N, C-alpha and C. Protein backbone atom coordinates (compact mmCIF):
# COMPACT_ATOMS: atom_id res chain seq x y z
N MET A 1 111.87 113.85 96.28
CA MET A 1 110.80 114.15 97.13
C MET A 1 109.44 114.42 96.27
N ARG A 2 108.46 113.76 96.84
CA ARG A 2 106.84 114.03 96.30
C ARG A 2 106.34 115.22 96.91
N ILE A 3 106.05 116.38 96.38
CA ILE A 3 105.21 117.64 96.84
C ILE A 3 104.01 117.64 96.47
N PHE A 4 103.05 117.52 97.25
CA PHE A 4 101.65 117.61 97.19
C PHE A 4 101.01 118.84 97.37
N SER A 5 100.29 119.52 96.54
CA SER A 5 99.81 120.75 96.80
C SER A 5 98.94 121.18 97.59
N ASN A 6 98.32 120.22 98.14
CA ASN A 6 97.29 120.13 99.41
C ASN A 6 97.22 118.71 99.78
N VAL A 7 96.39 118.73 100.62
CA VAL A 7 96.07 117.38 101.32
C VAL A 7 95.40 116.49 100.60
N MET A 8 94.35 117.06 99.84
CA MET A 8 93.57 116.33 98.93
C MET A 8 94.39 115.54 97.91
N GLU A 9 95.46 116.16 97.50
CA GLU A 9 96.39 115.70 96.62
C GLU A 9 97.07 114.25 97.04
N LEU A 10 97.39 114.56 98.45
CA LEU A 10 97.81 113.53 99.18
C LEU A 10 96.81 112.34 99.23
N LYS A 11 95.77 112.68 99.63
CA LYS A 11 94.68 111.68 99.84
C LYS A 11 94.45 110.81 98.46
N ALA A 12 94.60 111.61 97.17
CA ALA A 12 94.47 110.87 95.97
C ALA A 12 95.54 109.79 95.77
N ALA A 13 96.72 109.97 96.49
CA ALA A 13 97.84 109.13 96.31
C ALA A 13 97.87 107.73 97.11
N ARG A 14 96.60 107.64 97.84
CA ARG A 14 96.57 106.43 98.82
C ARG A 14 96.71 105.16 98.10
N GLY A 15 97.79 104.44 98.71
CA GLY A 15 97.98 103.01 97.99
C GLY A 15 99.27 103.19 97.45
N GLU A 16 99.85 104.38 97.06
CA GLU A 16 101.10 104.47 96.17
C GLU A 16 102.48 104.22 97.24
N HIS A 17 103.45 103.93 96.53
CA HIS A 17 104.79 104.00 97.29
C HIS A 17 105.20 105.18 96.97
N LEU A 18 105.88 106.09 97.97
CA LEU A 18 106.28 107.45 97.84
C LEU A 18 107.74 107.41 97.73
N GLY A 19 108.53 106.68 97.52
CA GLY A 19 109.69 106.49 97.05
C GLY A 19 110.80 106.01 98.33
N HIS A 20 112.17 106.25 98.01
CA HIS A 20 113.20 105.81 99.18
C HIS A 20 113.89 107.00 99.35
N THR A 21 114.45 107.00 100.45
CA THR A 21 115.47 108.00 101.05
C THR A 21 116.74 107.74 100.44
N GLU A 22 117.68 108.75 100.54
CA GLU A 22 119.03 108.41 100.56
C GLU A 22 119.57 107.56 101.36
N TRP A 23 121.03 106.76 101.40
CA TRP A 23 121.36 105.89 102.23
C TRP A 23 122.03 106.86 103.28
N ARG A 24 122.04 106.43 104.74
CA ARG A 24 122.80 107.16 105.72
C ARG A 24 123.47 106.07 106.45
N PRO A 25 124.66 106.76 106.88
CA PRO A 25 125.43 105.81 107.67
C PRO A 25 125.18 105.66 109.09
N VAL A 26 125.12 104.69 109.73
CA VAL A 26 124.93 104.44 111.11
C VAL A 26 126.38 104.60 111.83
N THR A 27 126.92 105.76 112.46
CA THR A 27 128.05 105.52 113.21
C THR A 27 127.92 105.21 114.61
N GLN A 28 128.86 104.75 115.11
CA GLN A 28 129.05 104.54 116.71
C GLN A 28 128.97 105.69 117.40
N GLU A 29 129.12 107.07 116.88
CA GLU A 29 128.79 108.31 117.78
C GLU A 29 127.44 108.56 117.70
N ARG A 30 126.65 108.33 116.71
CA ARG A 30 125.18 108.42 116.58
C ARG A 30 124.66 107.68 117.61
N VAL A 31 125.09 106.18 117.69
CA VAL A 31 124.43 105.25 118.65
C VAL A 31 124.71 105.72 120.11
N ASP A 32 126.07 106.05 120.39
CA ASP A 32 126.51 106.68 121.62
C ASP A 32 125.67 107.72 122.02
N GLY A 33 125.28 109.01 121.11
CA GLY A 33 124.51 109.95 121.39
C GLY A 33 123.23 109.37 121.77
N PHE A 34 122.48 108.51 121.01
CA PHE A 34 121.20 108.12 121.22
C PHE A 34 121.26 107.17 122.73
N ALA A 35 122.32 106.54 122.98
CA ALA A 35 122.37 105.85 124.38
C ALA A 35 122.52 106.94 125.47
N ASP A 36 123.17 108.02 125.15
CA ASP A 36 123.12 109.18 126.34
C ASP A 36 121.59 109.77 126.51
N ALA A 37 121.13 110.09 125.24
CA ALA A 37 119.87 110.72 125.23
C ALA A 37 118.65 109.99 125.79
N THR A 38 118.86 108.86 125.79
CA THR A 38 117.79 107.67 126.43
C THR A 38 118.26 106.90 127.50
N ASP A 39 119.25 107.16 128.19
CA ASP A 39 119.97 106.35 129.22
C ASP A 39 120.01 104.69 128.99
N ASP A 40 120.05 104.49 127.79
CA ASP A 40 120.00 103.01 127.31
C ASP A 40 121.38 102.63 127.02
N HIS A 41 122.40 102.31 127.87
CA HIS A 41 123.75 102.12 127.61
C HIS A 41 124.18 100.67 127.52
N GLN A 42 122.99 99.62 127.16
CA GLN A 42 123.28 98.32 127.02
C GLN A 42 124.65 98.07 126.25
N TRP A 43 125.51 96.80 126.47
CA TRP A 43 126.72 96.87 125.92
C TRP A 43 126.59 96.44 124.46
N ILE A 44 125.74 95.98 123.91
CA ILE A 44 125.51 95.64 122.52
C ILE A 44 125.44 96.67 121.60
N HIS A 45 125.12 98.09 122.20
CA HIS A 45 125.02 99.33 121.66
C HIS A 45 126.29 100.05 121.78
N VAL A 46 126.82 100.09 123.01
CA VAL A 46 127.93 100.82 123.11
C VAL A 46 129.29 100.74 123.66
N ASP A 47 129.56 99.26 123.50
CA ASP A 47 130.92 98.64 123.80
C ASP A 47 131.33 97.54 122.57
N PRO A 48 132.22 98.51 121.72
CA PRO A 48 132.58 97.77 120.49
C PRO A 48 133.46 96.49 121.03
N GLU A 49 134.35 96.56 121.88
CA GLU A 49 135.24 95.45 122.31
C GLU A 49 134.35 94.21 122.76
N ARG A 50 133.58 94.52 123.69
CA ARG A 50 132.68 93.39 124.22
C ARG A 50 131.72 93.02 122.91
N ALA A 51 131.19 93.86 122.32
CA ALA A 51 130.16 93.36 121.21
C ALA A 51 130.90 92.37 119.90
N LYS A 52 132.15 92.43 119.88
CA LYS A 52 133.00 91.79 118.82
C LYS A 52 132.65 90.19 119.38
N ASP A 53 132.36 89.86 120.51
CA ASP A 53 132.13 88.61 120.97
C ASP A 53 130.75 88.10 121.20
N GLY A 54 130.01 89.20 121.09
CA GLY A 54 128.49 88.99 121.07
C GLY A 54 127.70 88.50 120.02
N PRO A 55 126.34 88.35 120.17
CA PRO A 55 125.64 87.78 119.18
C PRO A 55 125.57 88.38 117.72
N PHE A 56 126.16 89.61 117.54
CA PHE A 56 126.07 90.18 116.16
C PHE A 56 127.30 90.48 115.83
N GLY A 57 128.48 90.32 116.55
CA GLY A 57 129.70 90.46 116.06
C GLY A 57 130.26 91.85 116.01
N THR A 58 129.42 92.78 116.53
CA THR A 58 129.79 94.32 116.64
C THR A 58 128.52 94.89 117.22
N THR A 59 128.69 96.20 117.73
CA THR A 59 127.56 97.01 118.05
C THR A 59 126.44 97.05 117.02
N ILE A 60 125.38 97.39 117.84
CA ILE A 60 124.21 97.54 116.89
C ILE A 60 123.61 98.75 117.13
N ALA A 61 122.78 99.53 116.51
CA ALA A 61 121.91 100.68 116.86
C ALA A 61 120.63 100.27 117.63
N HIS A 62 120.29 100.85 118.53
CA HIS A 62 118.97 100.65 119.12
C HIS A 62 117.79 100.70 117.98
N GLY A 63 117.05 99.90 118.37
CA GLY A 63 115.75 99.62 117.41
C GLY A 63 115.03 101.01 117.43
N TYR A 64 114.95 101.73 118.59
CA TYR A 64 114.26 102.96 118.81
C TYR A 64 114.94 104.03 118.15
N LEU A 65 116.48 103.92 118.09
CA LEU A 65 117.15 104.85 116.96
C LEU A 65 116.50 104.87 115.53
N SER A 66 116.34 103.64 114.96
CA SER A 66 115.75 103.50 113.62
C SER A 66 114.50 104.15 113.63
N LEU A 67 113.79 103.92 114.80
CA LEU A 67 112.30 104.64 114.87
C LEU A 67 112.32 106.15 114.83
N ALA A 68 113.39 106.68 115.71
CA ALA A 68 113.39 107.97 115.78
C ALA A 68 113.89 108.88 114.71
N LEU A 69 114.34 107.97 113.71
CA LEU A 69 114.64 108.70 112.57
C LEU A 69 113.65 108.75 111.37
N LEU A 70 112.53 108.21 111.52
CA LEU A 70 111.34 108.27 110.64
C LEU A 70 110.88 109.73 110.23
N PRO A 71 110.88 110.49 111.24
CA PRO A 71 110.39 111.87 110.95
C PRO A 71 111.23 112.57 109.91
N SER A 72 112.58 112.40 110.07
CA SER A 72 113.64 112.90 109.08
C SER A 72 113.60 112.42 107.68
N PHE A 73 113.23 111.10 107.60
CA PHE A 73 113.25 110.26 106.47
C PHE A 73 111.99 110.66 105.89
N MET A 74 110.65 110.87 106.61
CA MET A 74 109.76 111.13 105.96
C MET A 74 109.53 112.49 105.32
N ALA A 75 110.39 113.50 105.99
CA ALA A 75 110.67 114.90 105.51
C ALA A 75 111.32 115.00 104.01
N GLU A 76 112.35 113.94 103.91
CA GLU A 76 112.92 113.85 102.87
C GLU A 76 112.26 113.18 101.68
N LEU A 77 111.23 112.48 101.85
CA LEU A 77 110.40 111.83 100.91
C LEU A 77 109.13 112.74 100.46
N VAL A 78 108.41 113.38 101.62
CA VAL A 78 107.23 114.22 101.32
C VAL A 78 107.15 115.32 101.78
N ARG A 79 106.37 116.28 101.05
CA ARG A 79 105.85 117.60 101.50
C ARG A 79 104.59 117.79 101.03
N VAL A 80 103.72 118.22 102.11
CA VAL A 80 102.52 118.78 101.86
C VAL A 80 102.16 120.20 101.87
N ASP A 81 101.82 120.95 100.90
CA ASP A 81 101.70 122.15 101.12
C ASP A 81 100.32 122.75 101.56
N GLY A 82 100.08 124.02 101.81
CA GLY A 82 98.81 124.35 102.15
C GLY A 82 98.47 123.88 103.49
N LEU A 83 99.18 123.70 104.25
CA LEU A 83 98.85 123.21 105.57
C LEU A 83 98.97 124.46 106.95
N ALA A 84 98.19 124.46 107.77
CA ALA A 84 98.28 125.37 109.10
C ALA A 84 99.66 124.49 109.87
N MET A 85 99.50 123.14 109.86
CA MET A 85 100.17 122.50 110.50
C MET A 85 100.26 120.93 110.33
N GLY A 86 101.36 120.21 110.42
CA GLY A 86 101.42 118.82 110.72
C GLY A 86 102.00 118.20 111.64
N ILE A 87 101.26 117.30 112.23
CA ILE A 87 101.87 116.88 113.66
C ILE A 87 101.96 115.41 113.65
N ASN A 88 103.01 114.80 114.14
CA ASN A 88 103.19 113.45 114.69
C ASN A 88 101.92 113.07 115.60
N TYR A 89 101.11 112.08 115.00
CA TYR A 89 100.04 111.64 115.70
C TYR A 89 100.16 110.34 116.63
N GLY A 90 101.22 109.60 116.33
CA GLY A 90 101.72 108.29 116.84
C GLY A 90 101.91 107.29 115.85
N LEU A 91 101.73 105.85 116.21
CA LEU A 91 102.23 104.78 115.58
C LEU A 91 100.86 103.58 115.64
N ASP A 92 100.72 103.03 114.70
CA ASP A 92 99.94 101.69 115.08
C ASP A 92 100.62 100.43 115.15
N LYS A 93 101.84 100.38 114.47
CA LYS A 93 102.41 99.18 114.62
C LYS A 93 103.89 99.40 114.08
N VAL A 94 104.73 98.70 115.36
CA VAL A 94 106.11 99.08 115.07
C VAL A 94 106.89 97.32 115.15
N ARG A 95 107.62 97.00 114.30
CA ARG A 95 108.47 96.05 114.56
C ARG A 95 109.90 96.17 114.09
N PHE A 96 110.78 95.35 114.76
CA PHE A 96 112.38 95.58 114.47
C PHE A 96 112.70 94.26 113.81
N PRO A 97 112.30 93.71 112.79
CA PRO A 97 112.74 92.45 112.30
C PRO A 97 114.36 92.12 112.31
N ALA A 98 115.24 93.01 111.97
CA ALA A 98 116.53 92.93 112.18
C ALA A 98 117.45 93.77 112.58
N PRO A 99 118.50 93.61 113.00
CA PRO A 99 119.36 94.47 113.61
C PRO A 99 120.31 95.50 112.60
N VAL A 100 120.59 96.58 113.24
CA VAL A 100 121.40 97.73 112.35
C VAL A 100 122.82 97.65 113.00
N PRO A 101 123.95 96.81 112.47
CA PRO A 101 125.31 96.97 112.82
C PRO A 101 125.55 98.43 112.64
N VAL A 102 126.51 98.66 113.47
CA VAL A 102 127.13 100.01 113.48
C VAL A 102 128.18 99.90 112.13
N GLY A 103 128.25 100.99 111.52
CA GLY A 103 128.81 101.03 110.15
C GLY A 103 127.98 100.78 109.00
N ALA A 104 126.80 100.24 109.19
CA ALA A 104 126.10 99.86 107.87
C ALA A 104 125.45 101.41 107.38
N ARG A 105 124.92 101.20 106.51
CA ARG A 105 123.88 102.28 106.02
C ARG A 105 122.51 101.84 106.06
N ILE A 106 121.72 102.90 106.26
CA ILE A 106 120.25 102.64 106.11
C ILE A 106 119.58 103.74 105.39
N ARG A 107 118.38 103.07 104.85
CA ARG A 107 117.43 104.21 103.99
C ARG A 107 116.10 103.80 104.40
N ALA A 108 114.95 104.65 104.14
CA ALA A 108 113.66 104.24 104.31
C ALA A 108 112.76 104.28 103.00
N GLY A 109 111.81 103.47 102.95
CA GLY A 109 110.92 103.70 101.89
C GLY A 109 109.52 103.92 102.39
N ALA A 110 108.50 104.51 101.97
CA ALA A 110 107.22 104.76 102.50
C ALA A 110 106.19 104.44 101.57
N GLU A 111 105.10 104.04 102.02
CA GLU A 111 103.81 103.70 101.42
C GLU A 111 102.58 104.38 101.99
N LEU A 112 102.00 104.96 101.20
CA LEU A 112 100.80 105.65 101.85
C LEU A 112 99.60 104.77 101.87
N LEU A 113 99.38 104.44 103.08
CA LEU A 113 98.36 103.30 103.46
C LEU A 113 96.81 103.87 103.46
N ASP A 114 96.81 104.98 103.85
CA ASP A 114 95.16 105.75 104.08
C ASP A 114 95.45 107.25 104.46
N VAL A 115 94.33 108.05 104.11
CA VAL A 115 94.31 109.31 104.56
C VAL A 115 92.90 109.36 104.72
N LYS A 116 92.31 109.74 105.87
CA LYS A 116 90.97 109.96 106.32
C LYS A 116 90.79 111.19 107.00
N GLY A 117 89.47 112.03 106.83
CA GLY A 117 89.17 112.98 107.46
C GLY A 117 88.68 112.97 108.94
N THR A 118 89.21 113.80 109.70
CA THR A 118 88.73 113.79 111.07
C THR A 118 88.35 115.25 111.51
N PRO A 119 87.70 115.23 112.70
CA PRO A 119 87.30 116.55 113.12
C PRO A 119 88.56 117.64 113.31
N ALA A 120 89.72 116.88 113.48
CA ALA A 120 90.92 117.92 113.74
C ALA A 120 91.68 118.12 112.60
N GLY A 121 91.27 117.21 111.40
CA GLY A 121 92.18 117.58 110.12
C GLY A 121 92.31 116.39 109.55
N TYR A 122 93.08 115.89 108.79
CA TYR A 122 93.15 114.72 107.82
C TYR A 122 94.36 113.82 108.33
N LEU A 123 93.95 112.56 108.74
CA LEU A 123 94.93 111.48 109.64
C LEU A 123 95.45 110.67 108.43
N ALA A 124 96.90 110.81 108.01
CA ALA A 124 97.52 109.86 107.09
C ALA A 124 98.29 108.90 107.93
N LYS A 125 97.99 107.52 106.97
CA LYS A 125 98.73 106.36 107.78
C LYS A 125 99.89 105.84 106.81
N VAL A 126 101.30 105.88 107.12
CA VAL A 126 102.19 105.69 106.30
C VAL A 126 103.08 104.38 106.93
N ARG A 127 103.07 103.56 105.84
CA ARG A 127 104.15 102.13 106.49
C ARG A 127 105.68 102.70 106.20
N MET A 128 106.24 102.76 106.90
CA MET A 128 107.54 103.28 106.90
C MET A 128 108.59 101.85 106.94
N THR A 129 109.47 101.77 105.96
CA THR A 129 110.43 100.57 106.05
C THR A 129 111.69 101.01 106.09
N VAL A 130 112.43 100.58 106.97
CA VAL A 130 113.94 101.10 107.13
C VAL A 130 114.67 99.60 106.81
N GLU A 131 115.34 99.88 105.91
CA GLU A 131 116.28 98.77 105.18
C GLU A 131 117.87 99.02 105.50
N VAL A 132 118.39 97.96 105.88
CA VAL A 132 120.06 97.80 106.06
C VAL A 132 120.37 97.42 104.65
N GLU A 133 121.51 98.38 104.09
CA GLU A 133 122.06 98.11 102.87
C GLU A 133 122.63 96.77 102.77
N GLY A 134 122.18 95.76 101.83
CA GLY A 134 122.74 94.53 101.68
C GLY A 134 121.96 93.47 102.63
N GLY A 135 121.06 94.00 103.50
CA GLY A 135 120.23 93.15 104.17
C GLY A 135 119.24 92.34 103.92
N LYS A 136 118.82 91.37 104.10
CA LYS A 136 117.70 90.44 103.79
C LYS A 136 116.42 90.70 104.31
N ARG A 137 116.38 91.37 105.51
CA ARG A 137 115.22 91.97 106.46
C ARG A 137 115.28 93.21 106.76
N PRO A 138 114.06 93.75 106.67
CA PRO A 138 113.98 95.35 107.33
C PRO A 138 114.56 95.19 108.77
N ALA A 139 115.17 96.62 108.99
CA ALA A 139 115.44 96.81 110.29
C ALA A 139 114.33 97.26 111.30
N CYS A 140 113.48 98.01 110.60
CA CYS A 140 112.34 98.46 111.05
C CYS A 140 110.93 98.81 110.17
N VAL A 141 110.00 98.30 110.54
CA VAL A 141 108.65 98.45 109.87
C VAL A 141 107.63 99.11 110.92
N ALA A 142 107.21 100.41 110.50
CA ALA A 142 106.19 100.88 111.25
C ALA A 142 105.29 101.71 110.51
N GLU A 143 103.97 101.54 111.05
CA GLU A 143 102.80 102.25 110.55
C GLU A 143 102.79 103.69 111.32
N THR A 144 102.95 104.88 110.78
CA THR A 144 103.06 106.27 111.26
C THR A 144 101.90 106.85 111.07
N LEU A 145 101.56 107.74 111.80
CA LEU A 145 100.38 108.62 112.02
C LEU A 145 100.80 109.78 111.97
N SER A 146 100.23 110.74 110.92
CA SER A 146 100.38 111.96 110.82
C SER A 146 99.18 112.85 110.61
N LEU A 147 98.89 113.80 111.46
CA LEU A 147 97.67 114.75 111.43
C LEU A 147 97.88 115.94 110.52
N TYR A 148 97.46 115.98 109.63
CA TYR A 148 97.54 117.33 108.62
C TYR A 148 96.42 118.27 108.73
N VAL A 149 96.59 119.55 109.15
CA VAL A 149 95.63 120.42 109.41
C VAL A 149 95.71 121.33 108.38
N PRO A 150 94.82 121.51 107.36
CA PRO A 150 94.79 122.50 106.21
C PRO A 150 94.64 124.05 106.76
N ALA A 151 95.31 124.58 105.90
CA ALA A 151 95.56 126.14 106.21
C ALA A 151 93.99 126.75 105.96
N GLU A 152 93.56 127.87 106.78
CA GLU A 152 92.38 128.28 106.42
C GLU A 152 92.44 129.03 105.07
N SER A 153 91.41 128.67 104.28
CA SER A 153 91.29 129.66 102.75
C SER A 153 90.87 130.93 103.04
N ASP A 154 91.57 131.69 102.19
CA ASP A 154 91.05 133.14 102.28
C ASP A 154 89.69 133.53 101.49
């Protein structure tokens, strides 16, 4: 984990790769839980028997499940101290180049693209890349936006 003492230290790291997370398994239980939470029960995600004869040979995780894991991946990679709060501000670009087969392991890497001041705080743009272990293409590439609000100094 990279620990930054304050947002100015983070800003100084612009352009740097922030590291990779540990590998995490993608289980059918996690995919089923995501399907229940989102009401997306398409058979390619939740029906292992039917999926055996489908285009991927097995069930696959929802693309949005990979995306939903980005905050926990980021928390594993980076901590910025000296903040009143940090909030998810959104996304600029998201792509799902490759599927995540159930049973695979995934991890994320992060690159700090930019940090700029705004009236509300500092807006950080980070490119998160979710990899499938042994895969040739990433499962998800997203430019995330986080708003960091420094704590008031005494």
